[in-house]
Amino acid sequence: VAKDMGLQLPAIQDRGIRMLDKGRTQYFALHGKTGHLVTAERIDREQLCKSVQQCVLRCEVIVEGEM
């Protein structure tokens, strides 16, 4: 994520980057030292997408400050 946004790793912590998932469970997080998008919770496809063939989880990355 840091690479895609053109940010250096120290800037991740300084800018206040947050992950927003729809729903109560935060499935994704941003690793502070590497800038990688990681899973924060176990993702159970059968529970989330019971009868749907294509299962999609959406999240947003919020960056505070100017880009």
N, C-alpha and C. Protein backbone atom coordinates (compact mmCIF):
# COMPACT_ATOMS: atom_id res chain seq x y z
N VAL A 1 0.83 -1.19 0.00
CA VAL A 1 0.00 0.00 0.00
C VAL A 1 0.87 1.25 0.00
N ALA A 2 1.91 1.24 0.83
CA ALA A 2 2.80 2.41 0.88
C ALA A 2 3.44 2.65 -0.49
N LYS A 3 3.88 1.58 -1.14
CA LYS A 3 4.51 1.71 -2.46
C LYS A 3 3.50 2.23 -3.48
N ASP A 4 2.27 1.69 -3.47
CA ASP A 4 1.24 2.13 -4.41
C ASP A 4 0.88 3.59 -4.22
N MET A 5 0.96 4.09 -2.99
CA MET A 5 0.61 5.47 -2.70
C MET A 5 1.81 6.41 -2.81
N GLY A 6 2.99 5.85 -3.06
CA GLY A 6 4.18 6.68 -3.20
C GLY A 6 4.68 7.23 -1.89
N LEU A 7 4.46 6.50 -0.79
CA LEU A 7 4.89 6.95 0.53
C LEU A 7 6.11 6.17 0.99
N GLN A 8 7.01 6.85 1.66
CA GLN A 8 8.12 6.16 2.30
C GLN A 8 7.61 5.57 3.61
N LEU A 9 8.25 4.52 4.10
CA LEU A 9 7.76 3.83 5.28
C LEU A 9 7.57 4.72 6.52
N PRO A 10 8.50 5.63 6.85
CA PRO A 10 8.23 6.48 8.02
C PRO A 10 6.98 7.34 7.87
N ALA A 11 6.60 7.66 6.65
CA ALA A 11 5.43 8.52 6.41
C ALA A 11 4.13 7.80 6.76
N ILE A 12 4.13 6.49 6.78
CA ILE A 12 2.91 5.75 7.11
C ILE A 12 2.44 6.11 8.51
N GLN A 13 3.36 6.11 9.46
CA GLN A 13 2.99 6.42 10.84
C GLN A 13 2.69 7.90 11.02
N ASP A 14 3.42 8.77 10.31
CA ASP A 14 3.24 10.21 10.46
C ASP A 14 1.93 10.72 9.88
N ARG A 15 1.42 10.07 8.84
CA ARG A 15 0.23 10.55 8.14
C ARG A 15 -1.08 10.08 8.74
N GLY A 16 -1.06 9.14 9.65
CA GLY A 16 -2.30 8.66 10.23
C GLY A 16 -3.13 7.85 9.25
N ILE A 17 -2.53 6.85 8.63
CA ILE A 17 -3.25 6.00 7.69
C ILE A 17 -4.13 5.02 8.46
N ARG A 18 -5.39 4.91 8.02
CA ARG A 18 -6.33 4.00 8.68
C ARG A 18 -6.99 3.11 7.64
N MET A 19 -7.39 1.94 8.08
CA MET A 19 -8.13 1.00 7.23
C MET A 19 -9.58 1.01 7.70
N LEU A 20 -10.51 1.09 6.76
CA LEU A 20 -11.93 1.02 7.07
C LEU A 20 -12.54 -0.16 6.34
N ASP A 21 -13.13 -1.08 7.09
CA ASP A 21 -13.85 -2.22 6.52
C ASP A 21 -15.33 -1.99 6.77
N LYS A 22 -16.16 -2.46 5.85
CA LYS A 22 -17.60 -2.40 6.10
C LYS A 22 -17.95 -3.50 7.09
N GLY A 23 -18.79 -3.18 8.05
CA GLY A 23 -19.17 -4.16 9.06
C GLY A 23 -18.39 -3.95 10.34
N ARG A 24 -18.62 -4.82 11.29
CA ARG A 24 -18.02 -4.68 12.61
C ARG A 24 -16.59 -5.21 12.68
N THR A 25 -16.30 -6.24 11.92
CA THR A 25 -14.99 -6.88 12.01
C THR A 25 -14.00 -6.22 11.07
N GLN A 26 -12.84 -5.90 11.61
CA GLN A 26 -11.76 -5.34 10.79
C GLN A 26 -10.93 -6.52 10.28
N TYR A 27 -11.10 -6.86 9.01
CA TYR A 27 -10.39 -7.99 8.44
C TYR A 27 -8.99 -7.64 7.95
N PHE A 28 -8.73 -6.38 7.70
CA PHE A 28 -7.45 -5.97 7.14
C PHE A 28 -6.78 -4.92 8.01
N ALA A 29 -5.45 -4.89 7.94
CA ALA A 29 -4.67 -3.90 8.66
C ALA A 29 -3.46 -3.54 7.80
N LEU A 30 -2.83 -2.44 8.12
CA LEU A 30 -1.63 -2.01 7.43
C LEU A 30 -0.45 -2.25 8.36
N HIS A 31 0.49 -3.06 7.91
CA HIS A 31 1.67 -3.37 8.72
C HIS A 31 2.53 -2.11 8.79
N GLY A 32 2.77 -1.61 10.00
CA GLY A 32 3.46 -0.34 10.18
C GLY A 32 4.90 -0.31 9.73
N LYS A 33 5.60 -1.43 9.79
CA LYS A 33 7.02 -1.44 9.43
C LYS A 33 7.27 -1.72 7.95
N THR A 34 6.34 -2.44 7.30
CA THR A 34 6.56 -2.79 5.89
C THR A 34 5.64 -2.05 4.93
N GLY A 35 4.50 -1.56 5.42
CA GLY A 35 3.52 -0.91 4.56
C GLY A 35 2.65 -1.89 3.79
N HIS A 36 2.74 -3.18 4.13
CA HIS A 36 1.94 -4.20 3.45
C HIS A 36 0.54 -4.29 4.03
N LEU A 37 -0.41 -4.62 3.17
CA LEU A 37 -1.77 -4.90 3.60
C LEU A 37 -1.80 -6.35 4.11
N VAL A 38 -2.24 -6.55 5.34
CA VAL A 38 -2.25 -7.88 5.95
C VAL A 38 -3.65 -8.18 6.49
N THR A 39 -3.92 -9.45 6.71
CA THR A 39 -5.19 -9.83 7.32
C THR A 39 -5.06 -9.65 8.83
N ALA A 40 -6.06 -9.03 9.42
CA ALA A 40 -6.07 -8.77 10.86
C ALA A 40 -6.92 -9.79 11.60
N GLU A 41 -7.80 -10.45 10.91
CA GLU A 41 -8.71 -11.44 11.49
C GLU A 41 -8.79 -12.63 10.56
N ARG A 42 -9.19 -13.75 11.11
CA ARG A 42 -9.43 -14.94 10.30
C ARG A 42 -10.62 -14.66 9.38
N ILE A 43 -10.49 -14.98 8.10
CA ILE A 43 -11.56 -14.76 7.14
C ILE A 43 -12.20 -16.09 6.81
N ASP A 44 -13.45 -16.26 7.21
CA ASP A 44 -14.20 -17.49 6.99
C ASP A 44 -15.16 -17.28 5.82
N ARG A 45 -14.78 -17.77 4.65
CA ARG A 45 -15.59 -17.56 3.45
C ARG A 45 -16.99 -18.13 3.59
N GLU A 46 -17.13 -19.30 4.18
CA GLU A 46 -18.44 -19.92 4.32
C GLU A 46 -19.38 -19.07 5.19
N GLN A 47 -18.83 -18.42 6.18
CA GLN A 47 -19.65 -17.57 7.05
C GLN A 47 -20.00 -16.25 6.37
N LEU A 48 -19.07 -15.66 5.63
CA LEU A 48 -19.29 -14.35 5.01
C LEU A 48 -20.13 -14.42 3.74
N CYS A 49 -19.89 -15.42 2.93
CA CYS A 49 -20.51 -15.50 1.60
C CYS A 49 -21.14 -16.88 1.42
N LYS A 50 -22.14 -17.17 2.20
CA LYS A 50 -22.73 -18.51 2.25
C LYS A 50 -23.11 -19.07 0.89
N SER A 51 -23.91 -18.36 0.13
CA SER A 51 -24.40 -18.92 -1.13
C SER A 51 -23.94 -18.12 -2.36
N VAL A 52 -22.97 -17.27 -2.17
CA VAL A 52 -22.47 -16.45 -3.27
C VAL A 52 -21.21 -17.10 -3.83
N GLN A 53 -21.15 -17.24 -5.15
CA GLN A 53 -20.00 -17.90 -5.76
C GLN A 53 -18.74 -17.04 -5.68
N GLN A 54 -18.88 -15.74 -5.92
CA GLN A 54 -17.73 -14.84 -5.86
C GLN A 54 -17.81 -14.03 -4.57
N CYS A 55 -16.84 -14.20 -3.69
CA CYS A 55 -16.83 -13.53 -2.39
C CYS A 55 -15.86 -12.34 -2.46
N VAL A 56 -16.36 -11.15 -2.16
CA VAL A 56 -15.54 -9.93 -2.24
C VAL A 56 -15.62 -9.20 -0.90
N LEU A 57 -14.47 -8.87 -0.34
CA LEU A 57 -14.41 -8.03 0.86
C LEU A 57 -13.82 -6.69 0.45
N ARG A 58 -14.48 -5.63 0.81
CA ARG A 58 -14.01 -4.30 0.43
C ARG A 58 -13.50 -3.57 1.68
N CYS A 59 -12.49 -2.77 1.46
CA CYS A 59 -11.99 -1.92 2.54
C CYS A 59 -11.47 -0.63 1.91
N GLU A 60 -11.36 0.38 2.73
CA GLU A 60 -10.86 1.67 2.27
C GLU A 60 -9.61 2.03 3.05
N VAL A 61 -8.67 2.69 2.38
CA VAL A 61 -7.48 3.20 3.03
C VAL A 61 -7.65 4.71 3.13
N ILE A 62 -7.63 5.23 4.35
CA ILE A 62 -7.78 6.66 4.59
C ILE A 62 -6.42 7.23 4.96
N VAL A 63 -5.97 8.26 4.24
CA VAL A 63 -4.70 8.92 4.50
C VAL A 63 -4.98 10.36 4.88
N GLU A 64 -4.53 10.74 6.06
CA GLU A 64 -4.71 12.12 6.51
C GLU A 64 -3.57 12.97 5.98
N GLY A 65 -3.86 14.21 5.69
CA GLY A 65 -2.84 15.13 5.18
C GLY A 65 -2.84 15.16 3.66
N GLU A 66 -2.03 16.03 3.11
CA GLU A 66 -1.95 16.22 1.67
C GLU A 66 -1.13 15.12 1.02
N MET A 67 -1.53 14.78 -0.21
CA MET A 67 -0.78 13.77 -0.98
C MET A 67 0.01 14.48 -2.05
